[in-house]
Amino acid sequence: MNHVELTDRERALETMILCNNLEGPVDVALWEYAQSQNGVNNIQDRFDESERLAEELFTSETKYMITANKVNGQGSFNFLKGAPEIVLEMCQIDQNVKKRILSQIDEWAGEGLRLLGLAYRPLGILEDHTGYIWVGLLGMEDPIREGVVDAVKVAQHAGIRVCMITGDYRKTAERIGRNIGLIRDGDKIIDGEEMTQLDDNQLQQLVNHVAVFARIRSNDKLRIIKALQGTNQVTAMIGDGVNDAPALKRANIGVVVDSATDVAKETADLVLLDSNFRTVVAAVEEGRTIFQNIRKVVAYTLSNSFAEVLTIFIAMVLQWPAPLAVAQILWIHLICDGPSDIVLGFEPKERGIMDEPPKSKDAPILTHLGLSLIGVISIVSSVFALLIFNHFSTIHGNVTEGRSMVFASFAINSMIYIFAYRSMRRPIWKMVPLRENKPLFWTILAGLATALIAFLIPGLRNVLGIVPLSLMEWGVIAGIAILLLIIVEIAKMIAKGIHDND
């Protein structure tokens, strides 16, 4: 407890002990405070000795809890705890005293404390919310978790708007919002009472400028989600209670903490096992990395395939023999570059991935940049392959040697220009070091080795329909692969300049 002001210490401590189900951090804090007070020994015995006759549980709508207890040797009472301004309205209290307490509430809320009012009365009808006696005001600090401030900054830098929807007192919510960097210039704060005065259209016009929603009821959360979606926002909501279920279901992504109710968990899309906001930001970062890697793999795979398709198609149009045999195509795609296709999808996150704005939910897998690279690689690789094949098959009259050169060229090329595909946006010298994806390094070596092995084993040469190549011919193939890598890097820079928003 950071601040405690009790007008009747004994009744206040009884309220903390008996109007308590130990179901959350506030209940636990009350129990521990009561246990720490001098003269309050073995509060568990006091709880057990007092018979609970009835109860009205706390809800986000009512914001209070009432129990009816028979206190051993003292009689029967109703104990009340809840939002202090609501508890005050249930109390018989002098207006000047009430005014002073409200002033105290404002002062403590301005310090970012979570406030709780305590009251009691002789036993009466539970549904009769009048006649209570005010016994104390508590101010509890809800410490900001380590890393939350940085997580909010990262999210905002990544173009993600973070809003706080809370049942806390307005000034408490405002102080917390400012402490974690949630409220920036131009942002507004509204509470549940103000929301009730807004129709759906007015809320939709205002919602993009609000950073903190205070004293919010459950049905208000659903209205907020609908208003955000009405402005074409993709929404993710974090909740934990039964009453959060409609808003969690309506949000594009419903997220609950591990301590959430079963109803909330069944409605949600994600469960945070560590109940930490940092995990949400980390999940966004991981999602961006996965989506980016999918784009790389698709573009890389299509570049390899279209180059071969274009080469064979043009050869057919020119009525040349087929530059590649079926067995050679299978060897290239299943043995040489098959493993690297898979491992490329596990590239580590690129620097600056959280500096980019969010992608549209309708963003295509193949972007203008990816299509440009596919086109450049397919055309350039096909041109080199056709020139080589024509040289050996037409000029030298050796179709088998021509096919061998084309086969080696396609197998080696894909293992070299894969380095350019490790990042669709950055040049090779600015990429994540290759040592951070060691499996890719080994699959590239394995791909180059399997391309060479095909020429070293006589039986395999016969199956693939190839012949051994001279060192000069291997030098030509290596030169073409390196030249193709350079061309791809140049094309990548040009395409990025034209389609930088992909």
Protein backbone atom coordinates (compact mmCIF):
# COMPACT_ATOMS: atom_id res chain seq x y z
CA MET A 1 0.00 0.00 0.00
CA ASN A 2 1.36 3.41 -0.92
CA HIS A 3 -1.27 5.55 0.83
CA VAL A 4 -3.75 4.53 3.51
CA GLU A 5 -6.32 6.76 5.17
CA LEU A 6 -8.60 4.89 7.58
CA THR A 7 -11.37 6.48 9.63
CA ASP A 8 -12.16 3.24 11.49
CA ARG A 9 -9.13 0.98 11.48
CA GLU A 10 -10.84 -2.09 12.93
CA ARG A 11 -13.78 -2.06 10.50
CA ALA A 12 -11.48 -1.24 7.58
CA LEU A 13 -9.27 -4.25 8.33
CA GLU A 14 -12.35 -6.44 8.68
CA THR A 15 -13.51 -5.25 5.27
CA MET A 16 -10.11 -6.09 3.77
CA ILE A 17 -10.24 -9.58 5.26
CA LEU A 18 -13.90 -10.56 4.93
CA CYS A 19 -14.83 -8.82 1.67
CA ASN A 20 -12.09 -10.75 -0.06
CA ASN A 21 -11.91 -13.84 -2.29
CA LEU A 22 -8.14 -13.72 -2.96
CA GLU A 23 -8.91 -13.80 -6.67
CA GLY A 24 -6.57 -11.12 -7.94
CA PRO A 25 -3.62 -8.87 -7.12
CA VAL A 26 -5.84 -6.32 -5.35
CA ASP A 27 -7.36 -8.96 -3.05
CA VAL A 28 -3.90 -10.35 -2.30
CA ALA A 29 -2.56 -6.86 -1.54
CA LEU A 30 -5.43 -6.22 0.88
CA TRP A 31 -4.87 -9.55 2.61
CA GLU A 32 -1.12 -8.95 2.97
CA TYR A 33 -1.65 -5.42 4.27
CA ALA A 34 -4.10 -6.64 6.90
CA GLN A 35 -1.65 -9.36 7.88
CA SER A 36 1.15 -6.82 8.27
CA GLN A 37 -0.73 -4.60 10.73
CA ASN A 38 0.16 -4.76 14.42
CA GLY A 39 -2.46 -6.48 16.48
CA VAL A 40 -3.95 -8.38 13.53
CA ASN A 41 -2.85 -11.93 14.19
CA ASN A 42 -3.76 -14.93 12.14
CA ILE A 43 -6.23 -13.28 9.81
CA GLN A 44 -7.02 -16.67 8.27
CA ASP A 45 -8.61 -17.66 11.59
CA ARG A 46 -10.63 -14.44 11.59
CA PHE A 47 -11.82 -15.21 8.07
CA ASP A 48 -12.71 -18.81 8.95
CA GLU A 49 -14.54 -17.83 12.13
CA SER A 50 -16.75 -15.33 10.28
CA GLU A 51 -19.59 -16.93 8.37
CA ARG A 52 -20.32 -15.45 4.95
CA LEU A 53 -24.07 -15.23 4.53
CA ALA A 54 -24.24 -13.74 1.03
CA GLU A 55 -22.17 -11.84 -1.51
CA GLU A 56 -22.41 -9.59 -4.54
CA LEU A 57 -19.29 -10.15 -6.62
CA PHE A 58 -17.24 -7.43 -8.24
CA THR A 59 -17.90 -6.84 -11.96
CA SER A 60 -16.48 -4.35 -14.42
CA GLU A 61 -19.98 -2.91 -14.68
CA THR A 62 -20.65 -2.30 -10.98
CA LYS A 63 -17.02 -1.84 -9.83
CA TYR A 64 -17.73 -2.95 -6.26
CA MET A 65 -18.05 -6.07 -4.12
CA ILE A 66 -20.33 -6.60 -1.11
CA THR A 67 -20.39 -9.45 1.39
CA ALA A 68 -22.77 -10.20 4.25
CA ASN A 69 -20.86 -11.70 7.18
CA LYS A 70 -21.67 -12.93 10.65
CA VAL A 71 -18.66 -11.79 12.65
CA ASN A 72 -17.88 -13.97 15.64
CA GLY A 73 -18.95 -12.21 18.82
CA GLN A 74 -19.75 -8.90 17.11
CA GLY A 75 -22.92 -9.39 15.12
CA SER A 76 -23.62 -9.34 11.39
CA PHE A 77 -22.49 -6.75 8.86
CA ASN A 78 -22.32 -5.87 5.20
CA PHE A 79 -18.79 -5.08 4.00
CA LEU A 80 -18.23 -3.04 0.84
CA LYS A 81 -15.14 -2.34 -1.24
CA GLY A 82 -14.84 -0.84 -4.71
CA ALA A 83 -14.24 2.27 -6.79
CA PRO A 84 -14.13 5.04 -4.17
CA GLU A 85 -16.50 7.45 -5.93
CA ILE A 86 -19.08 4.65 -6.24
CA VAL A 87 -18.62 3.52 -2.64
CA LEU A 88 -19.04 7.15 -1.49
CA GLU A 89 -22.42 7.34 -3.21
CA MET A 90 -23.59 4.40 -1.08
CA CYS A 91 -22.47 6.02 2.16
CA GLN A 92 -24.20 8.31 4.61
CA ILE A 93 -21.58 11.01 4.91
CA ASP A 94 -21.25 14.71 5.58
CA GLN A 95 -20.93 16.66 2.33
CA ASN A 96 -17.82 18.51 3.52
CA VAL A 97 -16.17 15.21 4.42
CA LYS A 98 -17.24 13.79 1.07
CA LYS A 99 -15.76 16.79 -0.71
CA ARG A 100 -12.46 16.31 1.14
CA ILE A 101 -12.36 12.61 0.27
CA LEU A 102 -13.05 13.34 -3.42
CA SER A 103 -10.19 15.84 -3.35
CA GLN A 104 -7.98 13.15 -1.82
CA ILE A 105 -9.05 10.74 -4.55
CA ASP A 106 -8.05 13.22 -7.25
CA GLU A 107 -4.68 13.83 -5.61
CA TRP A 108 -3.81 10.14 -5.23
CA ALA A 109 -5.12 9.26 -8.69
CA GLY A 110 -2.83 11.95 -10.08
CA GLU A 111 0.07 9.93 -8.66
CA GLY A 112 -1.00 6.94 -10.76
CA LEU A 113 -2.31 4.90 -7.82
CA ARG A 114 -5.09 2.37 -8.05
CA LEU A 115 -7.74 3.50 -5.56
CA LEU A 116 -10.11 1.50 -3.41
CA GLY A 117 -12.83 2.68 -1.04
CA LEU A 118 -13.95 0.69 2.02
CA ALA A 119 -17.26 0.86 3.89
CA TYR A 120 -19.53 -1.21 6.11
CA ARG A 121 -22.97 -1.15 7.78
CA PRO A 122 -25.06 -3.34 10.06
CA LEU A 123 -26.51 -6.27 8.12
CA GLY A 124 -29.24 -5.26 5.69
CA ILE A 125 -30.71 -6.30 2.37
CA LEU A 126 -27.81 -6.87 -0.01
CA GLU A 127 -29.60 -5.18 -2.91
CA ASP A 128 -30.09 -2.01 -0.82
CA HIS A 129 -27.03 0.06 -1.69
CA THR A 130 -27.51 2.79 0.91
CA GLY A 131 -26.65 3.50 4.52
CA TYR A 132 -23.00 2.45 4.48
CA ILE A 133 -20.36 4.01 6.72
CA TRP A 134 -17.15 5.13 5.07
CA VAL A 135 -14.08 3.60 6.79
CA GLY A 136 -11.13 4.18 4.52
CA LEU A 137 -9.40 5.02 1.27
CA LEU A 138 -6.48 2.98 -0.08
CA GLY A 139 -4.00 3.91 -2.79
CA MET A 140 -2.02 1.03 -4.35
CA GLU A 141 0.70 1.30 -6.92
CA ASP A 142 0.42 -1.06 -9.86
CA PRO A 143 4.11 -1.23 -10.85
CA ILE A 144 4.93 -1.02 -14.52
CA ARG A 145 6.46 -4.26 -15.69
CA GLU A 146 10.06 -4.20 -16.79
CA GLY A 147 10.37 -3.67 -20.53
CA VAL A 148 6.83 -2.38 -21.08
CA VAL A 149 7.99 1.20 -21.77
CA ASP A 150 10.47 -0.03 -24.39
CA ALA A 151 7.86 -2.36 -25.88
CA VAL A 152 5.41 0.53 -26.28
CA LYS A 153 8.11 2.61 -28.00
CA VAL A 154 8.94 -0.24 -30.38
CA ALA A 155 5.26 -0.77 -31.21
CA GLN A 156 4.68 2.93 -31.86
CA HIS A 157 7.83 3.13 -33.99
CA ALA A 158 6.51 0.20 -36.01
CA GLY A 159 3.31 2.10 -36.77
CA ILE A 160 1.18 0.23 -34.22
CA ARG A 161 -1.18 2.35 -32.14
CA VAL A 162 -1.32 1.18 -28.55
CA CYS A 163 -4.39 2.17 -26.54
CA MET A 164 -5.23 1.56 -22.89
CA ILE A 165 -8.75 0.43 -22.05
CA THR A 166 -9.16 0.27 -18.29
CA GLY A 167 -11.69 0.45 -15.53
CA ASP A 168 -9.31 2.57 -13.43
CA TYR A 169 -9.98 6.11 -12.31
CA ARG A 170 -9.36 8.65 -15.08
CA LYS A 171 -6.40 10.40 -13.46
CA THR A 172 -4.84 7.07 -12.51
CA ALA A 173 -5.10 5.86 -16.10
CA GLU A 174 -3.72 9.16 -17.40
CA ARG A 175 -0.69 9.02 -15.11
CA ILE A 176 0.06 5.41 -16.04
CA GLY A 177 -0.43 6.21 -19.72
CA ARG A 178 2.09 9.04 -19.53
CA ASN A 179 4.55 6.96 -17.51
CA ILE A 180 4.69 4.25 -20.17
CA GLY A 181 4.81 6.71 -23.07
CA LEU A 182 1.34 5.86 -24.31
CA ILE A 183 0.05 9.42 -24.43
CA ARG A 184 1.69 11.64 -27.03
CA ASP A 185 1.00 15.16 -28.29
CA GLY A 186 -2.53 15.43 -29.62
CA ASP A 187 -3.79 12.27 -27.93
CA LYS A 188 -7.03 12.41 -25.95
CA ILE A 189 -8.38 10.65 -22.88
CA ILE A 190 -12.06 9.84 -22.46
CA ASP A 191 -13.96 7.91 -19.82
CA GLY A 192 -17.03 5.72 -19.82
CA GLU A 193 -19.36 8.57 -18.90
CA GLU A 194 -18.20 10.60 -21.90
CA MET A 195 -18.58 7.57 -24.16
CA THR A 196 -22.23 7.16 -23.19
CA GLN A 197 -22.84 10.64 -24.61
CA LEU A 198 -21.35 9.72 -27.99
CA ASP A 199 -23.24 7.85 -30.69
CA ASP A 200 -21.37 5.32 -32.83
CA ASN A 201 -20.57 7.83 -35.60
CA GLN A 202 -19.17 10.37 -33.14
CA LEU A 203 -17.08 7.69 -31.44
CA GLN A 204 -15.73 6.53 -34.81
CA GLN A 205 -14.61 10.07 -35.64
CA LEU A 206 -12.90 10.44 -32.27
CA VAL A 207 -11.44 6.99 -31.64
CA ASN A 208 -8.24 7.41 -33.68
CA HIS A 209 -7.21 10.33 -31.46
CA VAL A 210 -7.78 8.60 -28.12
CA ALA A 211 -4.89 6.89 -26.32
CA VAL A 212 -6.57 6.09 -22.99
CA PHE A 213 -10.12 4.95 -22.26
CA ALA A 214 -10.79 5.13 -18.50
CA ARG A 215 -13.64 3.87 -16.30
CA ILE A 216 -14.75 1.67 -19.19
CA ARG A 217 -17.50 -0.94 -18.95
CA SER A 218 -17.50 -4.24 -20.85
CA ASN A 219 -20.00 -3.16 -23.53
CA ASP A 220 -17.87 -0.04 -24.14
CA LYS A 221 -14.96 -2.27 -25.19
CA LEU A 222 -17.02 -3.77 -27.98
CA ARG A 223 -18.03 -0.28 -29.15
CA ILE A 224 -14.38 0.79 -29.22
CA ILE A 225 -13.36 -2.23 -31.30
CA LYS A 226 -16.19 -1.61 -33.76
CA ALA A 227 -15.28 2.08 -34.01
CA LEU A 228 -11.63 1.27 -34.77
CA GLN A 229 -12.61 -1.29 -37.40
CA GLY A 230 -14.97 1.30 -38.88
CA THR A 231 -11.88 3.42 -39.66
CA ASN A 232 -10.24 0.43 -41.45
CA GLN A 233 -7.96 -0.39 -38.53
CA VAL A 234 -6.80 -3.95 -37.91
CA THR A 235 -7.38 -4.47 -34.19
CA ALA A 236 -5.86 -6.71 -31.57
CA MET A 237 -7.37 -6.71 -28.10
CA ILE A 238 -5.95 -8.05 -24.84
CA GLY A 239 -8.48 -9.11 -22.21
CA ASP A 240 -9.06 -11.64 -19.48
CA GLY A 241 -12.64 -11.61 -18.23
CA VAL A 242 -15.92 -13.24 -19.21
CA ASN A 243 -17.30 -9.83 -20.14
CA ASP A 244 -14.38 -9.26 -22.52
CA ALA A 245 -15.46 -12.18 -24.72
CA PRO A 246 -17.65 -10.17 -27.18
CA ALA A 247 -14.87 -7.63 -27.80
CA LEU A 248 -12.23 -10.39 -28.08
CA LYS A 249 -14.36 -12.20 -30.63
CA ARG A 250 -15.02 -9.04 -32.65
CA ALA A 251 -11.34 -7.96 -32.74
CA ASN A 252 -9.26 -9.16 -35.66
CA ILE A 253 -6.96 -10.83 -33.13
CA GLY A 254 -8.18 -11.66 -29.64
CA VAL A 255 -5.43 -12.05 -27.06
CA VAL A 256 -5.84 -13.19 -23.45
CA VAL A 257 -3.45 -13.61 -20.56
CA ASP A 258 -2.80 -17.01 -19.03
CA SER A 259 -4.92 -16.20 -15.96
CA ALA A 260 -7.96 -15.34 -18.10
CA THR A 261 -11.31 -17.06 -17.66
CA ASP A 262 -12.10 -20.16 -19.70
CA VAL A 263 -14.73 -18.25 -21.68
CA ALA A 264 -12.19 -15.59 -22.67
CA LYS A 265 -9.61 -18.24 -23.63
CA GLU A 266 -12.11 -20.08 -25.83
CA THR A 267 -12.94 -16.85 -27.64
CA ALA A 268 -9.36 -15.63 -28.10
CA ASP A 269 -6.92 -16.41 -30.89
CA LEU A 270 -3.77 -16.19 -28.74
CA VAL A 271 -2.98 -16.90 -25.09
CA LEU A 272 -0.03 -15.08 -23.47
CA LEU A 273 1.52 -17.62 -21.14
CA ASP A 274 3.70 -14.98 -19.47
CA SER A 275 0.93 -12.31 -19.38
CA ASN A 276 3.42 -9.72 -20.65
CA PHE A 277 2.79 -7.00 -23.23
CA ARG A 278 6.36 -7.40 -24.47
CA THR A 279 5.38 -10.81 -25.79
CA VAL A 280 2.76 -9.23 -28.04
CA VAL A 281 5.35 -6.90 -29.58
CA ALA A 282 7.79 -9.82 -29.94
CA ALA A 283 5.04 -11.82 -31.69
CA VAL A 284 4.47 -8.95 -34.13
CA GLU A 285 8.20 -8.88 -34.86
CA GLU A 286 8.27 -12.65 -35.37
CA GLY A 287 5.20 -12.46 -37.62
CA ARG A 288 6.84 -9.81 -39.79
CA THR A 289 9.95 -11.98 -40.08
CA ILE A 290 7.92 -15.03 -41.09
CA PHE A 291 5.92 -13.09 -43.67
CA GLN A 292 9.10 -11.58 -45.09
CA ASN A 293 10.73 -15.02 -45.31
CA ILE A 294 7.69 -16.45 -47.11
CA ARG A 295 8.06 -13.70 -49.71
CA LYS A 296 11.76 -14.53 -50.13
CA VAL A 297 11.17 -18.26 -50.58
CA VAL A 298 8.32 -17.80 -53.06
CA ALA A 299 10.27 -15.29 -55.16
CA TYR A 300 13.45 -17.41 -55.07
CA THR A 301 11.65 -20.64 -56.02
CA LEU A 302 9.76 -18.98 -58.88
CA SER A 303 12.97 -17.35 -60.14
CA ASN A 304 14.59 -20.77 -60.48
CA SER A 305 11.55 -22.38 -62.10
CA PHE A 306 10.63 -19.58 -64.53
CA ALA A 307 14.22 -19.35 -65.79
CA GLU A 308 14.11 -23.00 -66.80
CA VAL A 309 10.57 -22.77 -68.20
CA LEU A 310 11.52 -19.72 -70.30
CA THR A 311 14.68 -21.42 -71.57
CA ILE A 312 12.83 -24.57 -72.66
CA PHE A 313 9.95 -22.58 -74.18
CA ILE A 314 12.22 -20.36 -76.31
CA ALA A 315 14.19 -23.43 -77.44
CA MET A 316 10.91 -25.03 -78.55
CA VAL A 317 9.89 -21.89 -80.43
CA LEU A 318 13.30 -21.86 -82.18
CA GLN A 319 12.90 -25.60 -82.83
CA TRP A 320 16.09 -26.44 -80.95
CA PRO A 321 16.62 -29.65 -78.99
CA ALA A 322 15.55 -29.45 -75.33
CA PRO A 323 18.28 -27.64 -73.34
CA LEU A 324 17.39 -29.63 -70.19
CA ALA A 325 16.28 -33.21 -69.66
CA VAL A 326 13.58 -34.16 -67.14
CA ALA A 327 16.11 -35.96 -64.90
CA GLN A 328 18.30 -32.86 -64.86
CA ILE A 329 15.40 -30.60 -63.80
CA LEU A 330 14.51 -33.02 -60.99
CA TRP A 331 18.12 -33.16 -59.82
CA ILE A 332 18.37 -29.36 -59.70
CA HIS A 333 15.13 -28.83 -57.77
CA LEU A 334 15.08 -31.86 -55.47
CA ILE A 335 18.77 -32.38 -54.77
CA CYS A 336 20.67 -29.16 -55.42
CA ASP A 337 18.43 -26.28 -54.34
CA GLY A 338 15.58 -28.16 -52.63
CA PRO A 339 17.05 -28.00 -49.10
CA SER A 340 18.10 -24.36 -49.52
CA ASP A 341 14.50 -23.44 -50.50
CA ILE A 342 13.40 -24.68 -47.09
CA VAL A 343 16.24 -23.25 -45.00
CA LEU A 344 15.86 -19.81 -46.61
CA GLY A 345 12.50 -19.65 -44.85
CA PHE A 346 14.30 -19.61 -41.49
CA GLU A 347 16.37 -16.49 -42.09
CA PRO A 348 16.76 -14.47 -38.87
CA LYS A 349 15.00 -11.13 -38.56
CA GLU A 350 16.50 -8.29 -40.53
CA ARG A 351 17.65 -5.09 -38.93
CA GLY A 352 14.99 -2.40 -39.12
CA ILE A 353 12.09 -4.80 -39.58
CA MET A 354 10.19 -2.90 -36.85
CA ASP A 355 10.97 0.44 -38.51
CA GLU A 356 8.56 -0.33 -41.34
CA PRO A 357 4.85 0.52 -41.22
CA PRO A 358 2.37 -2.37 -40.89
CA LYS A 359 1.42 -4.22 -44.04
CA SER A 360 -2.16 -4.30 -45.22
CA LYS A 361 -4.02 -7.49 -44.35
CA ASP A 362 -4.54 -7.85 -48.12
CA ALA A 363 -0.83 -7.42 -48.92
CA PRO A 364 0.19 -9.90 -51.66
CA ILE A 365 2.91 -12.49 -51.26
CA LEU A 366 4.45 -11.46 -54.56
CA THR A 367 5.20 -7.76 -54.46
CA HIS A 368 6.33 -5.50 -57.30
CA LEU A 369 9.86 -5.98 -56.01
CA GLY A 370 9.55 -9.76 -56.01
CA LEU A 371 8.02 -9.82 -59.48
CA SER A 372 10.79 -7.56 -60.75
CA LEU A 373 13.47 -9.89 -59.39
CA ILE A 374 11.73 -12.94 -60.84
CA GLY A 375 11.60 -11.23 -64.23
CA VAL A 376 15.25 -10.13 -64.18
CA ILE A 377 16.60 -13.50 -63.01
CA SER A 378 14.42 -15.49 -65.41
CA ILE A 379 15.34 -13.41 -68.44
CA VAL A 380 19.07 -12.99 -67.74
CA SER A 381 19.58 -16.59 -66.64
CA SER A 382 17.62 -17.83 -69.66
CA VAL A 383 19.62 -15.68 -72.08
CA PHE A 384 22.93 -17.02 -70.75
CA ALA A 385 21.63 -20.60 -70.88
CA LEU A 386 20.40 -20.25 -74.49
CA LEU A 387 23.66 -18.66 -75.63
CA ILE A 388 25.68 -21.48 -74.04
CA PHE A 389 23.42 -24.18 -75.43
CA ASN A 390 23.44 -22.66 -78.91
CA HIS A 391 27.24 -22.38 -78.84
CA PHE A 392 27.80 -26.05 -78.04
CA SER A 393 24.85 -27.66 -79.80
CA THR A 394 24.81 -25.62 -83.01
CA ILE A 395 28.36 -24.40 -83.47
CA HIS A 396 30.15 -27.43 -81.98
CA GLY A 397 27.40 -29.90 -82.80
CA ASN A 398 27.44 -31.43 -79.32
CA VAL A 399 23.94 -31.31 -77.82
CA THR A 400 24.95 -33.38 -74.77
CA GLU A 401 27.76 -31.00 -73.83
CA GLY A 402 25.36 -28.08 -74.34
CA ARG A 403 22.86 -29.67 -71.96
CA SER A 404 25.66 -30.37 -69.48
CA MET A 405 26.66 -26.69 -69.50
CA VAL A 406 23.03 -25.54 -69.09
CA PHE A 407 22.46 -28.06 -66.29
CA ALA A 408 25.61 -26.96 -64.45
CA SER A 409 24.76 -23.29 -65.00
CA PHE A 410 21.25 -23.54 -63.53
CA ALA A 411 22.46 -25.69 -60.59
CA ILE A 412 25.31 -23.33 -59.71
CA ASN A 413 23.43 -20.07 -60.41
CA SER A 414 20.65 -20.79 -57.91
CA MET A 415 23.25 -21.59 -55.23
CA ILE A 416 25.00 -18.26 -55.80
CA TYR A 417 22.20 -15.73 -56.23
CA ILE A 418 20.39 -17.16 -53.19
CA PHE A 419 22.69 -14.82 -51.25
CA ALA A 420 20.85 -11.88 -52.83
CA TYR A 421 17.52 -13.34 -51.69
CA ARG A 422 18.54 -13.34 -48.02
CA SER A 423 17.16 -9.82 -48.05
CA MET A 424 14.74 -8.43 -50.59
CA ARG A 425 15.46 -4.88 -49.46
CA ARG A 426 19.14 -4.67 -48.54
CA PRO A 427 22.37 -5.22 -50.51
CA ILE A 428 24.54 -8.19 -49.59
CA TRP A 429 27.01 -6.13 -47.57
CA LYS A 430 24.23 -4.83 -45.28
CA MET A 431 22.49 -8.13 -44.64
CA VAL A 432 22.43 -10.10 -41.41
CA PRO A 433 25.75 -12.00 -41.21
CA LEU A 434 25.54 -15.45 -42.77
CA ARG A 435 26.81 -16.99 -39.52
CA GLU A 436 23.38 -16.25 -38.02
CA ASN A 437 21.84 -18.77 -40.42
CA LYS A 438 24.44 -21.50 -40.47
CA PRO A 439 22.05 -24.15 -41.87
CA LEU A 440 21.69 -22.04 -45.03
CA PHE A 441 25.48 -21.91 -45.39
CA TRP A 442 25.71 -25.70 -45.17
CA THR A 443 22.82 -26.31 -47.58
CA ILE A 444 24.48 -24.00 -50.11
CA LEU A 445 27.72 -25.96 -49.80
CA ALA A 446 25.75 -29.19 -50.11
CA GLY A 447 23.95 -27.86 -53.20
CA LEU A 448 27.23 -26.94 -54.88
CA ALA A 449 28.67 -30.34 -53.92
CA THR A 450 25.73 -32.27 -55.38
CA ALA A 451 26.05 -30.28 -58.62
CA LEU A 452 29.72 -31.29 -58.86
CA ILE A 453 29.12 -34.89 -57.75
CA ALA A 454 26.73 -35.36 -60.67
CA PHE A 455 29.71 -34.86 -63.01
CA LEU A 456 32.16 -37.00 -61.02
CA ILE A 457 30.23 -40.29 -60.81
CA PRO A 458 30.04 -42.08 -64.18
CA GLY A 459 26.79 -43.93 -63.44
CA LEU A 460 25.12 -40.69 -62.35
CA ARG A 461 26.35 -38.91 -65.48
CA ASN A 462 24.67 -41.57 -67.59
CA VAL A 463 21.36 -41.23 -65.72
CA LEU A 464 21.39 -37.44 -66.06
CA GLY A 465 22.69 -37.43 -69.63
CA ILE A 466 25.71 -35.19 -68.99
CA VAL A 467 29.43 -35.30 -69.77
CA PRO A 468 32.47 -34.04 -67.79
CA LEU A 469 33.36 -30.36 -68.21
CA SER A 470 36.79 -28.79 -68.51
CA LEU A 471 38.21 -26.29 -65.99
CA MET A 472 37.66 -23.51 -68.53
CA GLU A 473 34.00 -24.47 -68.88
CA TRP A 474 33.60 -24.51 -65.10
CA GLY A 475 35.23 -21.08 -65.03
CA VAL A 476 32.65 -19.80 -67.54
CA ILE A 477 29.82 -21.20 -65.40
CA ALA A 478 31.26 -19.63 -62.24
CA GLY A 479 31.68 -16.30 -64.04
CA ILE A 480 28.06 -16.39 -65.21
CA ALA A 481 26.85 -17.15 -61.67
CA ILE A 482 28.80 -14.23 -60.18
CA LEU A 483 27.71 -11.90 -62.98
CA LEU A 484 24.09 -12.95 -62.42
CA LEU A 485 24.46 -12.20 -58.69
CA ILE A 486 25.72 -8.70 -59.51
CA ILE A 487 22.87 -8.13 -61.97
CA VAL A 488 20.34 -9.28 -59.36
CA GLU A 489 21.78 -6.86 -56.78
CA ILE A 490 21.58 -3.99 -59.28
CA ALA A 491 18.03 -4.95 -60.22
CA LYS A 492 17.13 -5.14 -56.54
CA MET A 493 18.36 -1.60 -55.91
CA ILE A 494 16.52 -0.24 -58.96
CA ALA A 495 13.29 -2.10 -58.12
CA LYS A 496 13.49 -0.97 -54.48
CA GLY A 497 13.81 2.65 -55.60
CA ILE A 498 10.70 2.32 -57.79
CA HIS A 499 8.59 0.15 -55.43
CA ASP A 500 9.93 1.16 -52.02
CA ASN A 501 6.52 0.80 -50.36
CA ASP A 502 6.27 -2.98 -50.97
